[in-house]
Structure formats: structure tokens, C-alpha cells
Amino acid sequence: MISCSTLYVCTTCRGSEAATDAPRAGARLLAAVERESLERGSAETGGGPAIVGVECLSNCSRSCSAAVAAPGKWTYVIGNLDPDRHAADILAFARQHSGHEQGLPVWRERPEHIRKNTIARVPPILFKEQS
């Protein structure tokens, strides 16, 4: 069974911006991903990944950051995301992740920025039954 993935976007990332009163780059990335998801609509893939804003993915040196995860699948952390350029890339990758039973989209089919800026790939959590 293929489970739908969740795209977590760090809303506290500052990106390369200095501290200002403007919305943080991470919050702008979340808004851009949500817009992109609405523009593409769910007809393209039969429903897209859930999109969730989170505080701090602890990847500040390579922000903006996002993570893609699903039960029983590999989890990915992606960095160096630009809210003005990479919303479509991270959303496309989240959809690829959703469509793969183990959460392992074919490397060459992933958007180029995702291939070059994957920070970590974490194996699925396997729980042992207690006897």
C-alpha cells in the first residue's frame, strides 16, 4: 500500500536574509508551496502531499529547509531552498515520494535542485513487536 507523503516546510528559516520585519524566507517558502499546490490542483496526481509548516528543522546553515516523510517510507531533508525558485521542485519531489512504495523516487527523475541539495535520507522507522 502506498501512503501519501507529508511535506514539512520550516517556517522559521531566514535563508540568506538578515533579520528584518519582513516575513521570514521559510514562511514565504510555505506560502509559495501552498500556492503551487493549488495551481497544480489535485487532478494531476489524484491528490497531493499534505503540506505542513513547522518550526525549525535544525538545518540553519543550509536554509531554507523542508522534509518529506510518510509512514513506512524513507524521509528526506532538503536544504538551500529559495522561496522564489524552488516551490515547484520541492512539491514535485513530495509527489514523487508519495508515488513510490518505499519513498525512494528514482534519483535521475528528481528535480535537479533536490538531487544536489538533499541533506539527509533517513530510513523508515521499524517498530519491533514486544513479546
N, C-alpha and C. Protein backbone atom coordinates (compact mmCIF):
# COMPACT_ATOMS: atom_id res chain seq x y z
N MET A 1 0.84 -1.19 0.00
CA MET A 1 0.00 0.00 0.00
C MET A 1 0.88 1.25 0.00
N ILE A 2 0.54 2.19 -0.84
CA ILE A 2 1.30 3.43 -0.94
C ILE A 2 0.64 4.48 -0.07
N SER A 3 1.42 5.04 0.87
CA SER A 3 0.87 6.07 1.75
C SER A 3 1.26 7.45 1.24
N CYS A 4 0.35 8.39 1.40
CA CYS A 4 0.58 9.77 0.97
C CYS A 4 1.63 10.42 1.86
N SER A 5 2.50 11.16 1.25
CA SER A 5 3.58 11.81 1.98
C SER A 5 3.14 13.14 2.55
N THR A 6 3.91 13.60 3.53
CA THR A 6 3.72 14.92 4.11
C THR A 6 4.97 15.73 3.82
N LEU A 7 4.76 16.95 3.35
CA LEU A 7 5.85 17.89 3.09
C LEU A 7 5.88 18.87 4.24
N TYR A 8 6.95 18.83 5.02
CA TYR A 8 7.14 19.73 6.15
C TYR A 8 8.04 20.87 5.70
N VAL A 9 7.58 22.11 5.87
CA VAL A 9 8.36 23.27 5.47
C VAL A 9 8.69 24.08 6.72
N CYS A 10 9.98 24.34 6.92
CA CYS A 10 10.43 25.12 8.08
C CYS A 10 10.02 26.57 7.88
N THR A 11 9.18 27.07 8.76
CA THR A 11 8.69 28.44 8.63
C THR A 11 9.60 29.45 9.32
N THR A 12 10.56 28.99 10.12
CA THR A 12 11.43 29.91 10.84
C THR A 12 12.75 30.16 10.11
N CYS A 13 12.99 29.47 9.01
CA CYS A 13 14.22 29.69 8.24
C CYS A 13 14.32 31.14 7.79
N ARG A 14 15.50 31.68 7.93
CA ARG A 14 15.75 33.05 7.47
C ARG A 14 16.35 33.06 6.06
N GLY A 15 16.87 31.93 5.62
CA GLY A 15 17.56 31.93 4.34
C GLY A 15 18.80 32.79 4.44
N SER A 16 19.13 33.50 3.40
CA SER A 16 20.32 34.37 3.41
C SER A 16 19.98 35.78 3.86
N GLU A 17 18.74 36.00 4.25
CA GLU A 17 18.30 37.34 4.62
C GLU A 17 18.76 37.71 6.02
N ALA A 18 19.08 38.96 6.20
CA ALA A 18 19.38 39.47 7.53
C ALA A 18 18.05 39.63 8.28
N ALA A 19 18.11 39.74 9.57
CA ALA A 19 16.90 39.92 10.37
C ALA A 19 16.19 41.21 9.95
N THR A 20 14.94 41.07 9.56
CA THR A 20 14.12 42.22 9.18
C THR A 20 12.71 41.99 9.71
N ASP A 21 11.86 42.96 9.50
CA ASP A 21 10.46 42.82 9.88
C ASP A 21 9.64 42.10 8.82
N ALA A 22 10.26 41.84 7.66
CA ALA A 22 9.56 41.14 6.58
C ALA A 22 9.35 39.68 6.97
N PRO A 23 8.36 39.02 6.35
CA PRO A 23 8.18 37.58 6.64
C PRO A 23 9.45 36.81 6.35
N ARG A 24 9.73 35.83 7.20
CA ARG A 24 10.93 35.00 7.01
C ARG A 24 10.84 34.22 5.71
N ALA A 25 12.00 33.90 5.18
CA ALA A 25 12.07 33.16 3.92
C ALA A 25 11.33 31.83 4.03
N GLY A 26 11.42 31.16 5.17
CA GLY A 26 10.73 29.89 5.36
C GLY A 26 9.22 30.04 5.27
N ALA A 27 8.68 31.09 5.86
CA ALA A 27 7.24 31.35 5.78
C ALA A 27 6.85 31.65 4.34
N ARG A 28 7.72 32.36 3.62
CA ARG A 28 7.45 32.64 2.20
C ARG A 28 7.51 31.35 1.38
N LEU A 29 8.43 30.45 1.72
CA LEU A 29 8.51 29.17 1.02
C LEU A 29 7.23 28.37 1.24
N LEU A 30 6.75 28.32 2.47
CA LEU A 30 5.50 27.61 2.75
C LEU A 30 4.36 28.19 1.92
N ALA A 31 4.24 29.51 1.88
CA ALA A 31 3.18 30.14 1.09
C ALA A 31 3.32 29.82 -0.39
N ALA A 32 4.56 29.81 -0.88
CA ALA A 32 4.79 29.51 -2.30
C ALA A 32 4.43 28.07 -2.63
N VAL A 33 4.76 27.14 -1.73
CA VAL A 33 4.43 25.73 -1.95
C VAL A 33 2.91 25.55 -1.93
N GLU A 34 2.24 26.20 -1.00
CA GLU A 34 0.78 26.10 -0.94
C GLU A 34 0.14 26.67 -2.20
N ARG A 35 0.65 27.80 -2.70
CA ARG A 35 0.14 28.38 -3.95
C ARG A 35 0.35 27.43 -5.12
N GLU A 36 1.56 26.89 -5.20
CA GLU A 36 1.90 25.96 -6.28
C GLU A 36 0.98 24.74 -6.24
N SER A 37 0.72 24.24 -5.06
CA SER A 37 -0.16 23.08 -4.91
C SER A 37 -1.57 23.40 -5.39
N LEU A 38 -2.07 24.57 -5.05
CA LEU A 38 -3.41 24.98 -5.50
C LEU A 38 -3.45 25.16 -7.01
N GLU A 39 -2.39 25.76 -7.57
CA GLU A 39 -2.35 26.00 -9.02
C GLU A 39 -2.31 24.68 -9.80
N ARG A 40 -1.56 23.72 -9.31
CA ARG A 40 -1.48 22.43 -10.00
C ARG A 40 -2.73 21.61 -9.78
N GLY A 41 -3.38 21.81 -8.65
CA GLY A 41 -4.60 21.08 -8.35
C GLY A 41 -4.33 19.62 -8.06
N SER A 42 -5.33 18.95 -7.57
CA SER A 42 -5.18 17.55 -7.20
C SER A 42 -5.44 16.61 -8.38
N ALA A 43 -5.97 17.11 -9.49
CA ALA A 43 -6.28 16.25 -10.63
C ALA A 43 -5.02 15.63 -11.23
N GLU A 44 -3.90 16.36 -11.12
CA GLU A 44 -2.65 15.91 -11.72
C GLU A 44 -2.19 14.57 -11.15
N THR A 45 -2.34 14.37 -9.87
CA THR A 45 -1.81 13.16 -9.24
C THR A 45 -2.84 12.41 -8.41
N GLY A 46 -4.10 12.84 -8.48
CA GLY A 46 -5.10 12.18 -7.66
C GLY A 46 -4.99 12.59 -6.20
N GLY A 47 -4.48 13.78 -5.95
CA GLY A 47 -4.27 14.27 -4.59
C GLY A 47 -2.79 14.44 -4.35
N GLY A 48 -2.47 15.49 -3.70
CA GLY A 48 -1.05 15.75 -3.45
C GLY A 48 -0.68 15.47 -2.02
N PRO A 49 0.55 15.73 -1.69
CA PRO A 49 1.01 15.52 -0.32
C PRO A 49 0.38 16.55 0.61
N ALA A 50 0.28 16.19 1.88
CA ALA A 50 -0.12 17.17 2.89
C ALA A 50 1.04 18.15 3.04
N ILE A 51 0.72 19.40 3.25
CA ILE A 51 1.74 20.44 3.40
C ILE A 51 1.59 21.02 4.80
N VAL A 52 2.66 20.96 5.58
CA VAL A 52 2.60 21.38 6.98
C VAL A 52 3.78 22.30 7.28
N GLY A 53 3.48 23.46 7.84
CA GLY A 53 4.53 24.36 8.31
C GLY A 53 4.99 23.92 9.69
N VAL A 54 6.30 23.90 9.90
CA VAL A 54 6.86 23.50 11.19
C VAL A 54 7.92 24.52 11.61
N GLU A 55 8.18 24.55 12.91
CA GLU A 55 9.24 25.43 13.41
C GLU A 55 10.55 24.67 13.48
N CYS A 56 11.54 25.17 12.85
CA CYS A 56 12.93 24.77 12.92
C CYS A 56 13.20 23.29 12.65
N LEU A 57 13.80 23.04 11.51
CA LEU A 57 14.28 21.71 11.17
C LEU A 57 15.77 21.56 11.51
N SER A 58 16.33 22.52 12.23
CA SER A 58 17.74 22.50 12.67
C SER A 58 18.70 22.30 11.51
N ASN A 59 18.46 23.00 10.44
CA ASN A 59 19.32 22.95 9.27
C ASN A 59 19.66 24.38 8.84
N CYS A 60 19.91 25.22 9.84
CA CYS A 60 20.06 26.66 9.62
C CYS A 60 21.19 27.03 8.66
N SER A 61 22.27 26.27 8.64
CA SER A 61 23.38 26.63 7.76
C SER A 61 23.05 26.38 6.29
N ARG A 62 21.98 25.61 6.02
CA ARG A 62 21.59 25.34 4.63
C ARG A 62 20.10 25.62 4.42
N SER A 63 19.63 26.69 5.08
CA SER A 63 18.21 27.02 4.96
C SER A 63 17.97 27.77 3.66
N CYS A 64 16.78 27.78 3.22
CA CYS A 64 15.51 27.27 3.72
C CYS A 64 15.47 25.75 3.58
N SER A 65 14.71 25.12 4.49
CA SER A 65 14.69 23.66 4.54
C SER A 65 13.28 23.12 4.52
N ALA A 66 13.19 21.87 4.07
CA ALA A 66 11.93 21.14 4.07
C ALA A 66 12.26 19.66 4.26
N ALA A 67 11.27 18.91 4.68
CA ALA A 67 11.42 17.47 4.84
C ALA A 67 10.20 16.79 4.22
N VAL A 68 10.42 15.60 3.70
CA VAL A 68 9.33 14.80 3.11
C VAL A 68 9.35 13.46 3.81
N ALA A 69 8.18 13.06 4.34
CA ALA A 69 8.10 11.81 5.11
C ALA A 69 6.74 11.17 4.92
N ALA A 70 6.69 9.87 5.23
CA ALA A 70 5.43 9.11 5.24
C ALA A 70 5.67 7.85 6.05
N PRO A 71 4.62 7.32 6.66
CA PRO A 71 4.77 6.08 7.43
C PRO A 71 5.34 4.95 6.56
N GLY A 72 6.37 4.28 7.08
CA GLY A 72 6.96 3.15 6.37
C GLY A 72 7.85 3.51 5.20
N LYS A 73 8.14 4.81 5.00
CA LYS A 73 8.96 5.25 3.88
C LYS A 73 10.21 5.97 4.37
N TRP A 74 11.17 6.10 3.48
CA TRP A 74 12.35 6.90 3.76
C TRP A 74 11.93 8.36 3.92
N THR A 75 12.63 9.09 4.76
CA THR A 75 12.42 10.51 4.99
C THR A 75 13.59 11.28 4.39
N TYR A 76 13.31 12.40 3.76
CA TYR A 76 14.34 13.24 3.16
C TYR A 76 14.31 14.62 3.78
N VAL A 77 15.48 15.20 3.98
CA VAL A 77 15.61 16.60 4.39
C VAL A 77 16.32 17.30 3.25
N ILE A 78 15.73 18.39 2.79
CA ILE A 78 16.24 19.13 1.64
C ILE A 78 16.60 20.54 2.12
N GLY A 79 17.70 21.08 1.64
CA GLY A 79 18.13 22.42 2.03
C GLY A 79 18.38 23.33 0.85
N ASN A 80 18.81 24.54 1.18
CA ASN A 80 19.14 25.57 0.19
C ASN A 80 17.97 25.86 -0.74
N LEU A 81 16.77 25.88 -0.19
CA LEU A 81 15.58 26.15 -0.99
C LEU A 81 15.32 27.66 -1.02
N ASP A 82 15.05 28.17 -2.18
CA ASP A 82 14.74 29.59 -2.37
C ASP A 82 13.23 29.70 -2.56
N PRO A 83 12.56 30.50 -1.73
CA PRO A 83 11.10 30.58 -1.84
C PRO A 83 10.62 31.12 -3.19
N ASP A 84 11.48 31.84 -3.89
CA ASP A 84 11.10 32.40 -5.19
C ASP A 84 11.40 31.47 -6.36
N ARG A 85 12.13 30.36 -6.10
CA ARG A 85 12.53 29.49 -7.21
C ARG A 85 12.24 28.01 -7.03
N HIS A 86 12.10 27.52 -5.81
CA HIS A 86 12.08 26.07 -5.61
C HIS A 86 10.78 25.47 -5.10
N ALA A 87 9.71 26.24 -5.02
CA ALA A 87 8.44 25.68 -4.54
C ALA A 87 7.97 24.54 -5.44
N ALA A 88 8.05 24.72 -6.74
CA ALA A 88 7.61 23.66 -7.66
C ALA A 88 8.48 22.42 -7.53
N ASP A 89 9.79 22.61 -7.33
CA ASP A 89 10.71 21.47 -7.20
C ASP A 89 10.39 20.63 -5.96
N ILE A 90 10.23 21.27 -4.83
CA ILE A 90 10.00 20.51 -3.59
C ILE A 90 8.63 19.85 -3.62
N LEU A 91 7.66 20.51 -4.22
CA LEU A 91 6.33 19.91 -4.35
C LEU A 91 6.37 18.71 -5.31
N ALA A 92 7.08 18.84 -6.41
CA ALA A 92 7.21 17.73 -7.35
C ALA A 92 7.89 16.54 -6.68
N PHE A 93 8.93 16.81 -5.89
CA PHE A 93 9.61 15.73 -5.19
C PHE A 93 8.69 15.06 -4.17
N ALA A 94 7.91 15.85 -3.45
CA ALA A 94 6.98 15.28 -2.48
C ALA A 94 5.96 14.39 -3.18
N ARG A 95 5.53 14.77 -4.36
CA ARG A 95 4.60 13.93 -5.12
C ARG A 95 5.27 12.66 -5.61
N GLN A 96 6.53 12.75 -6.02
CA GLN A 96 7.27 11.55 -6.41
C GLN A 96 7.42 10.61 -5.22
N HIS A 97 7.73 11.17 -4.07
CA HIS A 97 7.88 10.40 -2.84
C HIS A 97 6.57 9.69 -2.50
N SER A 98 5.45 10.40 -2.63
CA SER A 98 4.14 9.81 -2.37
C SER A 98 3.87 8.62 -3.28
N GLY A 99 4.31 8.75 -4.52
CA GLY A 99 4.01 7.73 -5.52
C GLY A 99 4.89 6.49 -5.46
N HIS A 100 5.91 6.52 -4.65
CA HIS A 100 6.82 5.37 -4.56
C HIS A 100 6.56 4.61 -3.26
N GLU A 101 6.39 3.32 -3.38
CA GLU A 101 6.02 2.49 -2.23
C GLU A 101 6.97 2.63 -1.04
N GLN A 102 8.26 2.79 -1.31
CA GLN A 102 9.24 2.90 -0.22
C GLN A 102 9.72 4.33 0.00
N GLY A 103 9.18 5.26 -0.78
CA GLY A 103 9.64 6.65 -0.66
C GLY A 103 11.03 6.85 -1.24
N LEU A 104 11.33 6.13 -2.31
CA LEU A 104 12.65 6.21 -2.96
C LEU A 104 12.48 6.55 -4.44
N PRO A 105 12.09 7.78 -4.76
CA PRO A 105 11.96 8.13 -6.17
C PRO A 105 13.29 7.93 -6.91
N VAL A 106 13.21 7.60 -8.17
CA VAL A 106 14.40 7.40 -8.99
C VAL A 106 15.22 8.70 -8.97
N TRP A 107 16.51 8.56 -8.64
CA TRP A 107 17.37 9.73 -8.45
C TRP A 107 17.35 10.66 -9.66
N ARG A 108 17.51 10.13 -10.85
CA ARG A 108 17.59 10.97 -12.05
C ARG A 108 16.27 11.65 -12.40
N GLU A 109 15.18 11.17 -11.86
CA GLU A 109 13.87 11.78 -12.12
C GLU A 109 13.54 12.90 -11.14
N ARG A 110 14.31 13.02 -10.09
CA ARG A 110 14.07 14.08 -9.10
C ARG A 110 14.49 15.42 -9.69
N PRO A 111 13.83 16.51 -9.27
CA PRO A 111 14.26 17.83 -9.74
C PRO A 111 15.75 18.05 -9.41
N GLU A 112 16.46 18.70 -10.29
CA GLU A 112 17.92 18.88 -10.14
C GLU A 112 18.29 19.49 -8.79
N HIS A 113 17.57 20.52 -8.37
CA HIS A 113 17.92 21.17 -7.10
C HIS A 113 17.78 20.18 -5.94
N ILE A 114 16.81 19.31 -6.01
CA ILE A 114 16.61 18.32 -4.94
C ILE A 114 17.78 17.33 -4.95
N ARG A 115 18.18 16.87 -6.11
CA ARG A 115 19.32 15.93 -6.20
C ARG A 115 20.57 16.52 -5.58
N LYS A 116 20.81 17.80 -5.81
CA LYS A 116 22.05 18.44 -5.37
C LYS A 116 21.98 18.97 -3.94
N ASN A 117 20.80 19.02 -3.34
CA ASN A 117 20.67 19.64 -2.03
C ASN A 117 19.93 18.78 -1.01
N THR A 118 20.02 17.46 -1.18
CA THR A 118 19.48 16.56 -0.18
C THR A 118 20.48 16.51 0.97
N ILE A 119 20.02 16.90 2.15
CA ILE A 119 20.86 16.95 3.34
C ILE A 119 20.97 15.58 3.98
N ALA A 120 19.84 14.90 4.07
CA ALA A 120 19.81 13.59 4.71
C ALA A 120 18.69 12.74 4.14
N ARG A 121 18.93 11.44 4.18
CA ARG A 121 17.91 10.44 3.85
C ARG A 121 17.88 9.50 5.05
N VAL A 122 16.73 9.43 5.69
CA VAL A 122 16.58 8.68 6.94
C VAL A 122 15.71 7.45 6.68
N PRO A 123 16.18 6.26 7.10
CA PRO A 123 15.39 5.05 6.84
C PRO A 123 14.07 5.06 7.60
N PRO A 124 13.12 4.28 7.11
CA PRO A 124 11.83 4.19 7.82
C PRO A 124 12.04 3.64 9.23
N ILE A 125 11.22 4.12 10.13
CA ILE A 125 11.27 3.61 11.50
C ILE A 125 10.54 2.29 11.53
N LEU A 126 11.23 1.28 12.00
CA LEU A 126 10.62 -0.04 12.12
C LEU A 126 10.44 -0.35 13.60
N PHE A 127 9.24 -0.62 13.97
CA PHE A 127 8.95 -0.94 15.37
C PHE A 127 8.89 -2.45 15.53
N LYS A 128 9.61 -2.94 16.53
CA LYS A 128 9.57 -4.36 16.82
C LYS A 128 8.39 -4.64 17.74
N GLU A 129 7.73 -5.73 17.47
CA GLU A 129 6.64 -6.13 18.34
C GLU A 129 7.23 -6.61 19.66
N GLN A 130 6.60 -6.18 20.73
CA GLN A 130 7.06 -6.63 22.05
C GLN A 130 6.45 -7.98 22.37
N SER A 131 7.26 -8.86 22.95
CA SER A 131 6.73 -10.18 23.27
C SER A 131 6.34 -10.29 24.72
